[in-house]
Amino acid sequence: MEIKIGIQNVAREIILESEQEADEVAAAVSEALAKGTELRLKDEKGRIIIVPGNSLGYVELGGEKARSVGFGAL
């Protein structure tokens, strides 16, 4: 799943691919916003991304889609 994170007063957004479930990421974002704690997410390569909860501008969760196999275009 693709996750885009916008940070206040920063022009560029953070984009990462993660194997975490959408509900799990949404719960982590809600907790970081409510408590003002850091948001920790793990990408598909095992790297951990840490963003201060009070700096979050937005978090966009992409749809979970199956990857297509082959050369056919539909």
C-alpha atoms as a PDB file:
ATOM      1  CA  MET A   1       0.000   0.000   0.000  1.00  0.00           C
ATOM      2  CA  GLU A   2       1.260   3.475  -0.842  1.00  0.00           C
ATOM      3  CA  ILE A   3       1.336   6.003   2.006  1.00  0.00           C
ATOM      4  CA  LYS A   4       1.848   9.751   1.489  1.00  0.00           C
ATOM      5  CA  ILE A   5       2.677  11.920   4.492  1.00  0.00           C
ATOM      6  CA  GLY A   6       2.508  15.697   4.363  1.00  0.00           C
ATOM      7  CA  ILE A   7       4.465  17.597   7.008  1.00  0.00           C
ATOM      8  CA  GLN A   8       3.625  21.128   8.103  1.00  0.00           C
ATOM      9  CA  ASN A   9       5.902  23.832   6.659  1.00  0.00           C
ATOM     10  CA  VAL A  10       7.696  21.325   4.391  1.00  0.00           C
ATOM     11  CA  ALA A  11       7.113  21.473   0.633  1.00  0.00           C
ATOM     12  CA  ARG A  12       7.913  17.833  -0.119  1.00  0.00           C
ATOM     13  CA  GLU A  13       5.817  14.909   1.018  1.00  0.00           C
ATOM     14  CA  ILE A  14       7.102  11.545   2.208  1.00  0.00           C
ATOM     15  CA  ILE A  15       5.988   8.646   0.001  1.00  0.00           C
ATOM     16  CA  LEU A  16       6.528   5.039   1.020  1.00  0.00           C
ATOM     17  CA  GLU A  17       5.287   1.569   0.177  1.00  0.00           C
ATOM     18  CA  SER A  18       4.266  -0.475   3.198  1.00  0.00           C
ATOM     19  CA  GLU A  19       2.954  -3.960   3.854  1.00  0.00           C
ATOM     20  CA  GLN A  20       1.065  -2.747   6.942  1.00  0.00           C
ATOM     21  CA  GLU A  21      -2.739  -2.930   6.900  1.00  0.00           C
ATOM     22  CA  ALA A  22      -4.670   0.303   6.291  1.00  0.00           C
ATOM     23  CA  ASP A  23      -6.500  -0.017   9.631  1.00  0.00           C
ATOM     24  CA  GLU A  24      -3.192  -0.432  11.475  1.00  0.00           C
ATOM     25  CA  VAL A  25      -1.716   2.686   9.845  1.00  0.00           C
ATOM     26  CA  ALA A  26      -4.894   4.702  10.464  1.00  0.00           C
ATOM     27  CA  ALA A  27      -4.832   3.727  14.152  1.00  0.00           C
ATOM     28  CA  ALA A  28      -1.168   4.752  14.460  1.00  0.00           C
ATOM     29  CA  VAL A  29      -1.905   8.123  12.820  1.00  0.00           C
ATOM     30  CA  SER A  30      -4.899   8.741  15.094  1.00  0.00           C
ATOM     31  CA  GLU A  31      -2.836   7.926  18.175  1.00  0.00           C
ATOM     32  CA  ALA A  32       0.025  10.199  17.091  1.00  0.00           C
ATOM     33  CA  LEU A  33      -2.378  13.075  16.498  1.00  0.00           C
ATOM     34  CA  ALA A  34      -4.337  12.565  19.724  1.00  0.00           C
ATOM     35  CA  LYS A  35      -1.331  12.149  22.016  1.00  0.00           C
ATOM     36  CA  GLY A  36       1.190  14.314  20.145  1.00  0.00           C
ATOM     37  CA  THR A  37       3.598  11.379  19.963  1.00  0.00           C
ATOM     38  CA  GLU A  38       5.710  10.324  17.004  1.00  0.00           C
ATOM     39  CA  LEU A  39       4.283   8.372  14.074  1.00  0.00           C
ATOM     40  CA  ARG A  40       6.358   5.265  13.286  1.00  0.00           C
ATOM     41  CA  LEU A  41       5.783   3.362  10.055  1.00  0.00           C
ATOM     42  CA  LYS A  42       7.756   0.546   8.456  1.00  0.00           C
ATOM     43  CA  ASP A  43       8.218   0.401   4.688  1.00  0.00           C
ATOM     44  CA  GLU A  44       8.360  -2.776   2.631  1.00  0.00           C
ATOM     45  CA  LYS A  45      12.187  -2.857   2.829  1.00  0.00           C
ATOM     46  CA  GLY A  46      12.114  -2.829   6.646  1.00  0.00           C
ATOM     47  CA  ARG A  47      13.134   0.804   7.120  1.00  0.00           C
ATOM     48  CA  ILE A  48      11.361   2.751   9.864  1.00  0.00           C
ATOM     49  CA  ILE A  49      10.031   6.232   9.132  1.00  0.00           C
ATOM     50  CA  ILE A  50       9.493   8.470  12.179  1.00  0.00           C
ATOM     51  CA  VAL A  51       7.501  11.711  11.988  1.00  0.00           C
ATOM     52  CA  PRO A  52       6.632  13.913  14.985  1.00  0.00           C
ATOM     53  CA  GLY A  53       2.862  13.718  15.515  1.00  0.00           C
ATOM     54  CA  ASN A  54       2.486  17.454  16.079  1.00  0.00           C
ATOM     55  CA  SER A  55       4.083  18.138  12.647  1.00  0.00           C
ATOM     56  CA  LEU A  56       1.680  16.036  10.585  1.00  0.00           C
ATOM     57  CA  GLY A  57      -0.200  17.928   7.887  1.00  0.00           C
ATOM     58  CA  TYR A  58      -1.976  14.951   6.320  1.00  0.00           C
ATOM     59  CA  VAL A  59      -1.630  11.228   5.716  1.00  0.00           C
ATOM     60  CA  GLU A  60      -3.014   9.675   2.531  1.00  0.00           C
ATOM     61  CA  LEU A  61      -3.468   5.905   2.378  1.00  0.00           C
ATOM     62  CA  GLY A  62      -3.501   4.378  -1.098  1.00  0.00           C
ATOM     63  CA  GLY A  63      -5.687   1.446  -2.001  1.00  0.00           C
ATOM     64  CA  GLU A  64      -4.410  -2.034  -1.542  1.00  0.00           C
ATOM     65  CA  LYS A  65      -4.250  -3.530  -5.002  1.00  0.00           C
ATOM     66  CA  ALA A  66      -2.997  -6.795  -6.389  1.00  0.00           C
ATOM     67  CA  ARG A  67      -0.089  -6.466  -8.783  1.00  0.00           C
ATOM     68  CA  SER A  68      -0.806  -7.623 -12.291  1.00  0.00           C
ATOM     69  CA  VAL A  69       1.369 -10.171 -14.001  1.00  0.00           C
ATOM     70  CA  GLY A  70       2.034 -10.289 -17.720  1.00  0.00           C
ATOM     71  CA  PHE A  71       2.095  -7.892 -20.630  1.00  0.00           C
ATOM     72  CA  GLY A  72      -1.627  -7.419 -21.259  1.00  0.00           C
ATOM     73  CA  ALA A  73      -3.083  -3.986 -20.799  1.00  0.00           C
ATOM     74  CA  LEU A  74      -6.693  -3.755 -19.726  1.00  0.00           C
END
